[in-house]
């Protein structure tokens, strides 16, 4: 029931994650941050079993930082997605696989192009222009498919995100407590103040 959304544009990647920490239909916390900054230009959002998600996210974060310290070079989002997929594939074949779904977004520090990767607990990995996990897939993918194109600017990206959260508020049978929104640009990662109380009328 957790919500993850990702949108790429001309020079940015937006990741949004629901604030509600849930166990079944019970909300345990209304201000949970389901994202981890992996390096200056790469961000990961996660959902799934509570213990698995945090442990796996911290494991990936620590290994990416260790690689940067050892080699004095930052991994690109593409390289990190390959590493994450490999770790998920290894855990899938172990006695205690991680039950975690991920969106990995960032800006390539060399080409300055935005990237977004969709990964699931079965170690599937796909490079996509926009993505969703959880129940958000059922309500938002049609909106993203209609309104997204590769050259959208930041304002257009935020408008599409607002359309998605409006739809979720109207139709999702649970209160997901709003979303935490972070934007990755060539200048780094910034958290955006996001007020979802205003509705947007799609053109």
N, C-alpha and C. Protein backbone atom coordinates (compact mmCIF):
# COMPACT_ATOMS: atom_id res chain seq x y z
N UNK A 1 0.81 -1.21 0.00
CA UNK A 1 0.00 0.00 0.00
C UNK A 1 0.85 1.26 0.00
N UNK A 2 2.16 1.10 0.00
CA UNK A 2 3.02 2.28 -0.03
C UNK A 2 3.11 2.82 -1.45
N UNK A 3 3.36 4.12 -1.56
CA UNK A 3 3.37 4.79 -2.86
C UNK A 3 4.78 5.27 -3.18
N UNK A 4 5.30 4.90 -4.35
CA UNK A 4 6.55 5.44 -4.87
C UNK A 4 6.29 5.93 -6.29
N UNK A 5 6.75 7.16 -6.59
CA UNK A 5 6.60 7.73 -7.92
C UNK A 5 7.92 8.31 -8.39
N UNK A 6 8.22 8.18 -9.66
CA UNK A 6 9.43 8.75 -10.24
C UNK A 6 9.14 9.36 -11.59
N UNK A 7 9.72 10.54 -11.85
CA UNK A 7 9.51 11.24 -13.13
C UNK A 7 10.85 11.85 -13.56
N UNK A 8 11.22 11.63 -14.82
CA UNK A 8 12.41 12.30 -15.36
C UNK A 8 11.96 13.40 -16.31
N UNK A 9 12.85 14.39 -16.48
CA UNK A 9 12.58 15.48 -17.41
C UNK A 9 13.82 15.81 -18.20
N UNK A 10 13.89 17.04 -18.67
CA UNK A 10 15.00 17.46 -19.52
C UNK A 10 16.32 17.41 -18.77
N UNK A 11 16.33 17.86 -17.51
CA UNK A 11 17.58 17.93 -16.74
C UNK A 11 17.38 17.65 -15.26
N UNK A 12 16.40 16.81 -14.94
CA UNK A 12 16.10 16.53 -13.53
C UNK A 12 15.42 15.17 -13.40
N UNK A 13 15.44 14.64 -12.18
CA UNK A 13 14.67 13.45 -11.83
C UNK A 13 13.95 13.73 -10.52
N UNK A 14 12.64 13.50 -10.50
CA UNK A 14 11.84 13.68 -9.28
C UNK A 14 11.49 12.32 -8.71
N UNK A 15 11.70 12.15 -7.39
CA UNK A 15 11.25 10.95 -6.69
C UNK A 15 10.31 11.36 -5.56
N UNK A 16 9.20 10.66 -5.45
CA UNK A 16 8.24 10.93 -4.38
C UNK A 16 7.88 9.63 -3.68
N UNK A 17 7.81 9.67 -2.35
CA UNK A 17 7.49 8.48 -1.56
C UNK A 17 6.47 8.84 -0.49
N UNK A 18 5.49 7.98 -0.27
CA UNK A 18 4.47 8.24 0.73
C UNK A 18 5.08 8.32 2.13
N UNK A 19 4.49 9.15 2.97
CA UNK A 19 5.03 9.36 4.33
C UNK A 19 4.55 8.33 5.33
N UNK A 20 3.48 7.62 5.01
CA UNK A 20 2.90 6.67 5.97
C UNK A 20 3.73 5.39 6.06
N UNK A 21 4.15 5.05 7.27
CA UNK A 21 4.78 3.74 7.51
C UNK A 21 3.67 2.81 7.97
N UNK A 22 3.44 1.74 7.20
CA UNK A 22 2.26 0.91 7.44
C UNK A 22 2.63 -0.55 7.72
N UNK A 23 1.77 -1.19 8.48
CA UNK A 23 1.82 -2.65 8.65
C UNK A 23 0.42 -3.15 8.39
N UNK A 24 0.21 -3.75 7.22
CA UNK A 24 -1.14 -4.09 6.82
C UNK A 24 -1.95 -2.82 6.60
N UNK A 25 -3.10 -2.73 7.25
CA UNK A 25 -3.95 -1.54 7.12
C UNK A 25 -3.69 -0.53 8.23
N UNK A 26 -2.71 -0.81 9.09
CA UNK A 26 -2.44 0.06 10.23
C UNK A 26 -1.30 1.03 9.92
N UNK A 27 -1.53 2.31 10.18
CA UNK A 27 -0.49 3.33 9.99
C UNK A 27 0.30 3.46 11.29
N UNK A 28 1.60 3.18 11.24
CA UNK A 28 2.44 3.22 12.43
C UNK A 28 3.10 4.59 12.60
N UNK A 29 3.33 5.28 11.49
CA UNK A 29 4.05 6.56 11.52
C UNK A 29 3.60 7.39 10.33
N UNK A 30 3.45 8.70 10.52
CA UNK A 30 2.94 9.54 9.43
C UNK A 30 4.00 10.48 8.86
N UNK A 31 5.27 10.26 9.21
CA UNK A 31 6.33 11.13 8.69
C UNK A 31 7.58 10.31 8.36
N UNK A 32 7.38 9.18 7.69
CA UNK A 32 8.48 8.28 7.37
C UNK A 32 9.15 8.69 6.06
N UNK A 33 10.49 8.79 6.07
CA UNK A 33 11.24 9.13 4.86
C UNK A 33 11.75 7.83 4.23
N UNK A 34 11.18 7.46 3.09
CA UNK A 34 11.54 6.20 2.43
C UNK A 34 12.57 6.42 1.34
N UNK A 35 13.47 7.37 1.52
CA UNK A 35 14.51 7.62 0.53
C UNK A 35 15.89 7.58 1.18
N UNK A 36 16.91 7.29 0.38
CA UNK A 36 18.30 7.32 0.82
C UNK A 36 19.15 7.99 -0.26
N UNK A 37 19.97 8.94 0.15
CA UNK A 37 20.91 9.56 -0.78
C UNK A 37 22.14 8.67 -0.87
N UNK A 38 22.45 8.18 -2.08
CA UNK A 38 23.57 7.26 -2.26
C UNK A 38 24.87 8.00 -2.56
N UNK A 39 24.80 9.06 -3.34
CA UNK A 39 25.93 9.97 -3.53
C UNK A 39 25.37 11.33 -3.93
N UNK A 40 26.21 12.23 -4.43
CA UNK A 40 25.75 13.59 -4.69
C UNK A 40 24.68 13.68 -5.75
N UNK A 41 24.62 12.69 -6.66
CA UNK A 41 23.70 12.79 -7.79
C UNK A 41 22.79 11.57 -7.94
N UNK A 42 22.68 10.73 -6.91
CA UNK A 42 21.85 9.53 -7.01
C UNK A 42 21.02 9.36 -5.74
N UNK A 43 19.74 9.07 -5.94
CA UNK A 43 18.79 8.94 -4.84
C UNK A 43 18.01 7.65 -5.03
N UNK A 44 17.70 6.98 -3.91
CA UNK A 44 16.96 5.73 -3.96
C UNK A 44 15.71 5.84 -3.08
N UNK A 45 14.56 5.43 -3.61
CA UNK A 45 13.32 5.34 -2.83
C UNK A 45 12.93 3.88 -2.74
N UNK A 46 12.42 3.46 -1.58
CA UNK A 46 12.17 2.04 -1.35
C UNK A 46 10.82 1.81 -0.68
N UNK A 47 10.28 0.61 -0.90
CA UNK A 47 9.07 0.17 -0.21
C UNK A 47 9.13 -1.34 -0.04
N UNK A 48 8.33 -1.85 0.88
CA UNK A 48 8.33 -3.29 1.14
C UNK A 48 8.28 -3.59 2.62
N UNK A 49 8.79 -4.76 3.01
CA UNK A 49 8.81 -5.14 4.42
C UNK A 49 9.69 -4.19 5.21
N UNK A 50 9.20 -3.75 6.37
CA UNK A 50 9.85 -2.67 7.13
C UNK A 50 11.33 -2.94 7.43
N UNK A 51 11.64 -4.10 7.97
CA UNK A 51 13.03 -4.39 8.31
C UNK A 51 13.92 -4.53 7.09
N UNK A 52 13.41 -5.22 6.07
CA UNK A 52 14.19 -5.44 4.86
C UNK A 52 14.56 -4.13 4.17
N UNK A 53 13.60 -3.22 4.08
CA UNK A 53 13.83 -1.99 3.33
C UNK A 53 14.95 -1.15 3.92
N UNK A 54 14.87 -0.91 5.22
CA UNK A 54 15.87 -0.06 5.87
C UNK A 54 17.25 -0.73 5.85
N UNK A 55 17.29 -2.01 6.15
CA UNK A 55 18.57 -2.73 6.17
C UNK A 55 19.21 -2.75 4.78
N UNK A 56 18.42 -3.04 3.76
CA UNK A 56 18.96 -3.11 2.39
C UNK A 56 19.39 -1.72 1.92
N UNK A 57 18.59 -0.71 2.20
CA UNK A 57 18.93 0.66 1.77
C UNK A 57 20.24 1.13 2.42
N UNK A 58 20.40 0.84 3.71
CA UNK A 58 21.63 1.25 4.39
C UNK A 58 22.84 0.46 3.88
N UNK A 59 22.63 -0.81 3.55
CA UNK A 59 23.70 -1.64 2.99
C UNK A 59 24.17 -1.08 1.65
N UNK A 60 23.23 -0.73 0.76
CA UNK A 60 23.58 -0.16 -0.54
C UNK A 60 24.25 1.19 -0.36
N UNK A 61 23.71 2.02 0.50
CA UNK A 61 24.27 3.35 0.75
C UNK A 61 25.72 3.25 1.24
N UNK A 62 25.98 2.35 2.17
CA UNK A 62 27.33 2.19 2.72
C UNK A 62 28.31 1.68 1.66
N UNK A 63 27.88 0.74 0.83
CA UNK A 63 28.77 0.18 -0.19
C UNK A 63 29.09 1.19 -1.29
N UNK A 64 28.11 1.99 -1.67
CA UNK A 64 28.36 3.03 -2.68
C UNK A 64 29.34 4.07 -2.14
N UNK A 65 29.17 4.46 -0.89
CA UNK A 65 30.08 5.43 -0.28
C UNK A 65 31.48 4.84 -0.12
N UNK A 66 31.56 3.55 0.22
CA UNK A 66 32.85 2.89 0.35
C UNK A 66 33.58 2.88 -1.00
N UNK A 67 32.87 2.57 -2.07
CA UNK A 67 33.48 2.57 -3.42
C UNK A 67 34.02 3.96 -3.75
N UNK A 68 33.24 4.99 -3.42
CA UNK A 68 33.68 6.37 -3.71
C UNK A 68 34.94 6.72 -2.94
N UNK A 69 35.01 6.31 -1.67
CA UNK A 69 36.20 6.62 -0.86
C UNK A 69 37.43 5.86 -1.35
N UNK A 70 37.24 4.61 -1.75
CA UNK A 70 38.38 3.79 -2.20
C UNK A 70 38.92 4.25 -3.55
N UNK A 71 38.02 4.65 -4.45
CA UNK A 71 38.42 4.93 -5.83
C UNK A 71 38.39 6.40 -6.20
N UNK A 72 37.93 7.25 -5.28
CA UNK A 72 37.86 8.69 -5.50
C UNK A 72 37.10 9.05 -6.78
N UNK A 73 36.04 8.30 -7.04
CA UNK A 73 35.18 8.60 -8.18
C UNK A 73 33.76 8.18 -7.82
N UNK A 74 32.78 8.98 -8.28
CA UNK A 74 31.38 8.67 -7.98
C UNK A 74 30.81 7.72 -9.02
N UNK A 75 30.09 6.72 -8.54
CA UNK A 75 29.40 5.81 -9.45
C UNK A 75 28.22 6.53 -10.11
N UNK A 76 27.97 6.21 -11.36
CA UNK A 76 26.82 6.77 -12.07
C UNK A 76 25.55 6.04 -11.64
N UNK A 77 24.37 6.63 -11.87
CA UNK A 77 23.13 5.91 -11.56
C UNK A 77 23.03 4.55 -12.26
N UNK A 78 23.54 4.47 -13.50
CA UNK A 78 23.52 3.20 -14.24
C UNK A 78 24.35 2.13 -13.54
N UNK A 79 25.55 2.52 -13.08
CA UNK A 79 26.43 1.56 -12.40
C UNK A 79 25.81 1.12 -11.06
N UNK A 80 25.21 2.06 -10.35
CA UNK A 80 24.60 1.73 -9.06
C UNK A 80 23.41 0.78 -9.27
N UNK A 81 22.62 1.01 -10.32
CA UNK A 81 21.47 0.14 -10.58
C UNK A 81 21.93 -1.29 -10.86
N UNK A 82 23.05 -1.44 -11.57
CA UNK A 82 23.59 -2.78 -11.83
C UNK A 82 24.04 -3.46 -10.55
N UNK A 83 24.68 -2.69 -9.67
CA UNK A 83 25.12 -3.23 -8.38
C UNK A 83 23.92 -3.65 -7.53
N UNK A 84 22.91 -2.78 -7.47
CA UNK A 84 21.72 -3.08 -6.67
C UNK A 84 21.01 -4.33 -7.21
N UNK A 85 20.89 -4.42 -8.52
CA UNK A 85 20.24 -5.59 -9.12
C UNK A 85 21.02 -6.87 -8.79
N UNK A 86 22.35 -6.79 -8.83
CA UNK A 86 23.17 -7.94 -8.48
C UNK A 86 22.96 -8.39 -7.04
N UNK A 87 22.88 -7.42 -6.13
CA UNK A 87 22.66 -7.76 -4.71
C UNK A 87 21.28 -8.36 -4.49
N UNK A 88 20.27 -7.82 -5.18
CA UNK A 88 18.92 -8.40 -5.07
C UNK A 88 18.87 -9.82 -5.63
N UNK A 89 19.59 -10.04 -6.75
CA UNK A 89 19.62 -11.37 -7.35
C UNK A 89 20.30 -12.37 -6.42
N UNK A 90 21.39 -11.93 -5.75
CA UNK A 90 22.07 -12.83 -4.80
C UNK A 90 21.17 -13.15 -3.62
N UNK A 91 20.49 -12.14 -3.08
CA UNK A 91 19.63 -12.37 -1.92
C UNK A 91 18.44 -13.25 -2.28
N UNK A 92 17.96 -13.13 -3.53
CA UNK A 92 16.83 -13.92 -3.99
C UNK A 92 17.14 -15.42 -3.96
N UNK A 93 18.42 -15.76 -4.15
CA UNK A 93 18.86 -17.16 -4.17
C UNK A 93 19.38 -17.63 -2.81
N UNK A 94 19.19 -16.81 -1.78
CA UNK A 94 19.64 -17.17 -0.44
C UNK A 94 18.45 -17.66 0.39
N UNK A 95 18.72 -17.97 1.65
CA UNK A 95 17.65 -18.43 2.54
C UNK A 95 16.81 -17.28 3.08
N UNK A 96 17.32 -16.05 2.96
CA UNK A 96 16.58 -14.90 3.51
C UNK A 96 16.57 -13.75 2.49
N UNK A 97 15.78 -13.86 1.44
CA UNK A 97 15.75 -12.81 0.42
C UNK A 97 15.12 -11.52 0.93
N UNK A 98 15.58 -10.41 0.39
CA UNK A 98 15.00 -9.11 0.74
C UNK A 98 13.68 -8.92 -0.01
N UNK A 99 12.66 -8.49 0.72
CA UNK A 99 11.38 -8.14 0.09
C UNK A 99 11.33 -6.62 -0.02
N UNK A 100 11.91 -6.10 -1.09
CA UNK A 100 12.03 -4.66 -1.24
C UNK A 100 11.88 -4.28 -2.71
N UNK A 101 11.11 -3.22 -2.96
CA UNK A 101 10.94 -2.65 -4.29
C UNK A 101 11.57 -1.26 -4.31
N UNK A 102 12.22 -0.91 -5.41
CA UNK A 102 13.02 0.32 -5.43
C UNK A 102 12.78 1.15 -6.68
N UNK A 103 12.93 2.46 -6.51
CA UNK A 103 13.12 3.39 -7.63
C UNK A 103 14.46 4.07 -7.41
N UNK A 104 15.31 4.04 -8.42
CA UNK A 104 16.64 4.63 -8.34
C UNK A 104 16.74 5.74 -9.37
N UNK A 105 16.93 6.96 -8.92
CA UNK A 105 16.97 8.10 -9.84
C UNK A 105 18.19 8.95 -9.64
N UNK A 106 18.62 9.61 -10.71
CA UNK A 106 19.77 10.48 -10.58
C UNK A 106 20.15 11.14 -11.88
N UNK A 107 21.26 11.88 -11.82
CA UNK A 107 21.83 12.55 -12.98
C UNK A 107 23.23 11.98 -13.20
N UNK A 108 23.53 11.57 -14.42
CA UNK A 108 24.87 11.09 -14.73
C UNK A 108 25.84 12.26 -14.64
N UNK A 109 26.89 12.17 -13.78
CA UNK A 109 27.80 13.32 -13.60
C UNK A 109 28.61 13.66 -14.84
N UNK A 110 28.72 12.74 -15.79
CA UNK A 110 29.51 13.00 -17.01
C UNK A 110 28.62 13.53 -18.14
N UNK A 111 27.54 12.82 -18.44
CA UNK A 111 26.67 13.23 -19.56
C UNK A 111 25.63 14.26 -19.15
N UNK A 112 25.41 14.43 -17.82
CA UNK A 112 24.41 15.35 -17.29
C UNK A 112 22.98 14.97 -17.69
N UNK A 113 22.76 13.69 -18.04
CA UNK A 113 21.43 13.24 -18.42
C UNK A 113 20.72 12.57 -17.24
N UNK A 114 19.41 12.77 -17.13
CA UNK A 114 18.67 12.15 -16.02
C UNK A 114 18.44 10.66 -16.27
N UNK A 115 18.40 9.89 -15.19
CA UNK A 115 18.15 8.45 -15.28
C UNK A 115 17.17 8.04 -14.19
N UNK A 116 16.35 7.05 -14.50
CA UNK A 116 15.41 6.48 -13.53
C UNK A 116 15.34 4.97 -13.77
N UNK A 117 15.49 4.20 -12.70
CA UNK A 117 15.47 2.74 -12.81
C UNK A 117 14.40 2.17 -11.88
N UNK A 118 13.64 1.24 -12.43
CA UNK A 118 12.59 0.54 -11.69
C UNK A 118 13.12 -0.85 -11.34
N UNK A 119 13.17 -1.17 -10.04
CA UNK A 119 13.64 -2.48 -9.59
C UNK A 119 12.61 -3.07 -8.63
N UNK A 120 12.47 -4.40 -8.68
CA UNK A 120 11.57 -5.05 -7.74
C UNK A 120 12.28 -6.17 -6.98
N UNK A 121 11.54 -6.82 -6.09
CA UNK A 121 12.14 -7.83 -5.20
C UNK A 121 12.61 -9.07 -5.94
N UNK A 122 12.19 -9.25 -7.19
CA UNK A 122 12.64 -10.39 -7.99
C UNK A 122 13.88 -10.04 -8.82
N UNK A 123 14.50 -8.90 -8.52
CA UNK A 123 15.73 -8.45 -9.17
C UNK A 123 15.51 -8.06 -10.64
N UNK A 124 14.28 -7.68 -10.97
CA UNK A 124 14.04 -7.09 -12.28
C UNK A 124 14.54 -5.65 -12.26
N UNK A 125 15.10 -5.19 -13.38
CA UNK A 125 15.61 -3.83 -13.46
C UNK A 125 15.31 -3.27 -14.85
N UNK A 126 14.72 -2.09 -14.91
CA UNK A 126 14.40 -1.47 -16.19
C UNK A 126 14.67 0.03 -16.12
N UNK A 127 15.29 0.56 -17.17
CA UNK A 127 15.48 2.01 -17.29
C UNK A 127 14.21 2.59 -17.89
N UNK A 128 13.58 3.53 -17.18
CA UNK A 128 12.27 4.04 -17.59
C UNK A 128 12.23 5.56 -17.51
N UNK A 129 11.34 6.22 -18.29
CA UNK A 129 11.20 7.68 -18.19
C UNK A 129 10.36 8.11 -16.98
N UNK A 130 9.46 7.23 -16.54
CA UNK A 130 8.64 7.47 -15.35
C UNK A 130 8.29 6.12 -14.75
N UNK A 131 7.95 6.11 -13.46
CA UNK A 131 7.73 4.82 -12.81
C UNK A 131 6.85 4.98 -11.58
N UNK A 132 6.28 3.86 -11.14
CA UNK A 132 5.49 3.84 -9.91
C UNK A 132 5.60 2.45 -9.29
N UNK A 133 5.51 2.42 -7.97
CA UNK A 133 5.46 1.16 -7.23
C UNK A 133 4.26 1.19 -6.30
N UNK A 134 3.82 0.03 -5.91
CA UNK A 134 2.68 -0.06 -5.00
C UNK A 134 1.37 0.18 -5.72
N UNK A 135 0.34 0.55 -4.97
CA UNK A 135 -0.97 0.80 -5.57
C UNK A 135 -0.94 2.01 -6.50
N UNK A 136 0.08 2.83 -6.40
CA UNK A 136 0.21 4.00 -7.29
C UNK A 136 0.24 3.56 -8.75
N UNK A 137 0.73 2.36 -9.03
CA UNK A 137 0.79 1.87 -10.40
C UNK A 137 -0.59 1.84 -11.04
N UNK A 138 -1.60 1.43 -10.27
CA UNK A 138 -2.94 1.26 -10.84
C UNK A 138 -3.60 2.59 -11.19
N UNK A 139 -3.23 3.64 -10.47
CA UNK A 139 -3.90 4.92 -10.65
C UNK A 139 -3.09 5.95 -11.44
N UNK A 140 -1.77 5.83 -11.43
CA UNK A 140 -0.92 6.91 -11.94
C UNK A 140 -0.27 6.64 -13.29
N UNK A 141 -0.07 5.40 -13.67
CA UNK A 141 0.67 5.12 -14.91
C UNK A 141 -0.05 5.67 -16.14
N UNK A 142 -1.38 5.65 -16.13
CA UNK A 142 -2.11 6.21 -17.28
C UNK A 142 -1.93 7.72 -17.36
N UNK A 143 -1.90 8.40 -16.21
CA UNK A 143 -1.66 9.86 -16.18
C UNK A 143 -0.26 10.17 -16.70
N UNK A 144 0.72 9.42 -16.21
CA UNK A 144 2.10 9.63 -16.64
C UNK A 144 2.26 9.35 -18.13
N UNK A 145 1.59 8.31 -18.60
CA UNK A 145 1.68 7.95 -20.01
C UNK A 145 1.10 9.04 -20.90
N UNK A 146 0.04 9.69 -20.44
CA UNK A 146 -0.61 10.72 -21.25
C UNK A 146 0.17 12.03 -21.25
N UNK A 147 0.70 12.43 -20.10
CA UNK A 147 1.24 13.80 -19.97
C UNK A 147 2.76 13.89 -20.03
N UNK A 148 3.45 12.77 -19.87
CA UNK A 148 4.92 12.85 -19.84
C UNK A 148 5.51 12.83 -21.23
N UNK A 149 6.57 13.63 -21.42
CA UNK A 149 7.43 13.52 -22.61
C UNK A 149 8.85 13.86 -22.18
N UNK A 150 9.86 13.45 -22.93
CA UNK A 150 11.26 13.55 -22.44
C UNK A 150 11.76 14.97 -22.16
N UNK A 151 11.16 15.97 -22.79
CA UNK A 151 11.68 17.34 -22.66
C UNK A 151 10.90 18.22 -21.71
N UNK A 152 10.14 17.63 -20.80
CA UNK A 152 9.40 18.48 -19.86
C UNK A 152 10.37 19.22 -18.94
N UNK A 153 9.97 20.43 -18.53
CA UNK A 153 10.78 21.19 -17.57
C UNK A 153 10.32 20.86 -16.15
N UNK A 154 11.00 21.46 -15.17
CA UNK A 154 10.74 21.15 -13.77
C UNK A 154 9.29 21.46 -13.37
N UNK A 155 8.78 22.61 -13.82
CA UNK A 155 7.41 23.01 -13.47
C UNK A 155 6.39 22.02 -14.02
N UNK A 156 6.62 21.57 -15.25
CA UNK A 156 5.72 20.58 -15.85
C UNK A 156 5.80 19.25 -15.10
N UNK A 157 7.00 18.87 -14.69
CA UNK A 157 7.18 17.64 -13.93
C UNK A 157 6.43 17.67 -12.61
N UNK A 158 6.50 18.81 -11.92
CA UNK A 158 5.79 18.95 -10.64
C UNK A 158 4.28 18.96 -10.85
N UNK A 159 3.83 19.53 -11.97
CA UNK A 159 2.38 19.54 -12.26
C UNK A 159 1.89 18.11 -12.49
N UNK A 160 2.67 17.31 -13.22
CA UNK A 160 2.28 15.91 -13.45
C UNK A 160 2.26 15.15 -12.13
N UNK A 161 3.24 15.39 -11.27
CA UNK A 161 3.27 14.74 -9.95
C UNK A 161 2.03 15.12 -9.15
N UNK A 162 1.63 16.39 -9.23
CA UNK A 162 0.44 16.83 -8.49
C UNK A 162 -0.82 16.16 -9.03
N UNK A 163 -0.89 15.98 -10.36
CA UNK A 163 -2.02 15.24 -10.93
C UNK A 163 -2.08 13.83 -10.34
N UNK A 164 -0.92 13.20 -10.21
CA UNK A 164 -0.86 11.83 -9.66
C UNK A 164 -1.32 11.79 -8.21
N UNK A 165 -0.83 12.72 -7.39
CA UNK A 165 -1.21 12.70 -5.97
C UNK A 165 -2.68 13.08 -5.79
N UNK A 166 -3.21 13.97 -6.66
CA UNK A 166 -4.64 14.28 -6.62
C UNK A 166 -5.47 13.02 -6.87
N UNK A 167 -5.06 12.25 -7.88
CA UNK A 167 -5.77 11.03 -8.23
C UNK A 167 -5.70 10.02 -7.09
N UNK A 168 -4.53 9.90 -6.47
CA UNK A 168 -4.38 8.97 -5.35
C UNK A 168 -5.24 9.38 -4.16
N UNK A 169 -5.31 10.67 -3.88
CA UNK A 169 -6.12 11.14 -2.75
C UNK A 169 -7.60 10.86 -2.98
N UNK A 170 -8.02 10.97 -4.24
CA UNK A 170 -9.43 10.73 -4.55
C UNK A 170 -9.79 9.25 -4.56
N UNK A 171 -8.89 8.40 -5.03
CA UNK A 171 -9.27 7.01 -5.34
C UNK A 171 -8.61 5.95 -4.49
N UNK A 172 -7.47 6.24 -3.86
CA UNK A 172 -6.80 5.23 -3.04
C UNK A 172 -7.60 4.99 -1.76
N UNK A 173 -7.85 3.74 -1.40
CA UNK A 173 -8.71 3.48 -0.23
C UNK A 173 -8.03 3.70 1.12
N UNK A 174 -6.78 4.18 1.13
CA UNK A 174 -6.08 4.46 2.39
C UNK A 174 -5.56 5.89 2.38
N UNK A 175 -5.26 6.39 3.57
CA UNK A 175 -4.63 7.70 3.71
C UNK A 175 -3.12 7.48 3.75
N UNK A 176 -2.41 7.87 2.69
CA UNK A 176 -0.97 7.63 2.65
C UNK A 176 -0.16 8.79 3.22
N UNK A 177 -0.84 9.76 3.85
CA UNK A 177 -0.22 10.87 4.59
C UNK A 177 0.63 11.80 3.74
N UNK A 178 0.31 11.92 2.46
CA UNK A 178 1.08 12.80 1.60
C UNK A 178 2.38 12.16 1.15
N UNK A 179 3.19 12.91 0.43
CA UNK A 179 4.45 12.36 -0.09
C UNK A 179 5.63 13.26 0.24
N UNK A 180 6.79 12.61 0.42
CA UNK A 180 8.06 13.31 0.51
C UNK A 180 8.62 13.41 -0.91
N UNK A 181 8.94 14.62 -1.35
CA UNK A 181 9.39 14.84 -2.72
C UNK A 181 10.83 15.35 -2.72
N UNK A 182 11.69 14.68 -3.50
CA UNK A 182 13.08 15.11 -3.65
C UNK A 182 13.43 15.18 -5.14
N UNK A 183 14.22 16.17 -5.49
CA UNK A 183 14.59 16.40 -6.89
C UNK A 183 16.10 16.30 -7.04
N UNK A 184 16.54 15.56 -8.05
CA UNK A 184 17.96 15.42 -8.36
C UNK A 184 18.26 16.23 -9.62
N UNK A 185 19.20 17.17 -9.51
CA UNK A 185 19.67 17.95 -10.66
C UNK A 185 21.19 17.87 -10.70
N UNK A 186 21.80 18.55 -11.68
CA UNK A 186 23.25 18.54 -11.77
C UNK A 186 23.90 19.20 -10.56
N UNK A 187 23.13 20.01 -9.81
CA UNK A 187 23.66 20.70 -8.62
C UNK A 187 23.52 19.87 -7.35
N UNK A 188 22.86 18.71 -7.44
CA UNK A 188 22.73 17.85 -6.27
C UNK A 188 21.28 17.46 -6.00
N UNK A 189 21.01 17.06 -4.76
CA UNK A 189 19.69 16.56 -4.36
C UNK A 189 19.06 17.54 -3.38
N UNK A 190 17.82 17.92 -3.66
CA UNK A 190 17.10 18.86 -2.80
C UNK A 190 15.73 18.30 -2.45
N UNK A 191 15.33 18.49 -1.20
CA UNK A 191 13.96 18.16 -0.80
C UNK A 191 13.05 19.34 -1.10
N UNK A 192 11.89 19.05 -1.67
CA UNK A 192 10.97 20.10 -2.09
C UNK A 192 9.80 20.15 -1.12
N UNK A 193 9.43 21.36 -0.70
CA UNK A 193 8.21 21.52 0.10
C UNK A 193 7.02 21.27 -0.80
N UNK A 194 6.24 20.27 -0.46
CA UNK A 194 5.16 19.84 -1.36
C UNK A 194 3.83 19.89 -0.63
N UNK A 195 2.96 20.77 -1.08
CA UNK A 195 1.62 20.92 -0.51
C UNK A 195 0.63 20.30 -1.49
N UNK A 196 0.02 19.19 -1.09
CA UNK A 196 -0.90 18.51 -2.01
C UNK A 196 -2.36 18.87 -1.77
N UNK A 197 -2.58 19.99 -1.06
CA UNK A 197 -3.96 20.40 -0.76
C UNK A 197 -4.65 21.08 -1.94
N UNK A 198 -3.84 21.64 -2.88
CA UNK A 198 -4.43 22.32 -4.04
C UNK A 198 -4.57 21.33 -5.19
N UNK A 199 -5.75 21.31 -5.77
CA UNK A 199 -5.98 20.40 -6.89
C UNK A 199 -5.56 21.06 -8.20
N UNK A 200 -5.10 20.24 -9.12
CA UNK A 200 -4.67 20.71 -10.44
C UNK A 200 -5.64 20.17 -11.48
N UNK A 201 -6.11 21.06 -12.33
CA UNK A 201 -6.98 20.65 -13.43
C UNK A 201 -6.10 20.36 -14.63
N UNK A 202 -6.12 19.12 -15.13
CA UNK A 202 -5.28 18.75 -16.26
C UNK A 202 -5.79 19.41 -17.53
N UNK A 203 -4.82 19.83 -18.39
CA UNK A 203 -5.20 20.49 -19.62
C UNK A 203 -5.60 19.46 -20.67
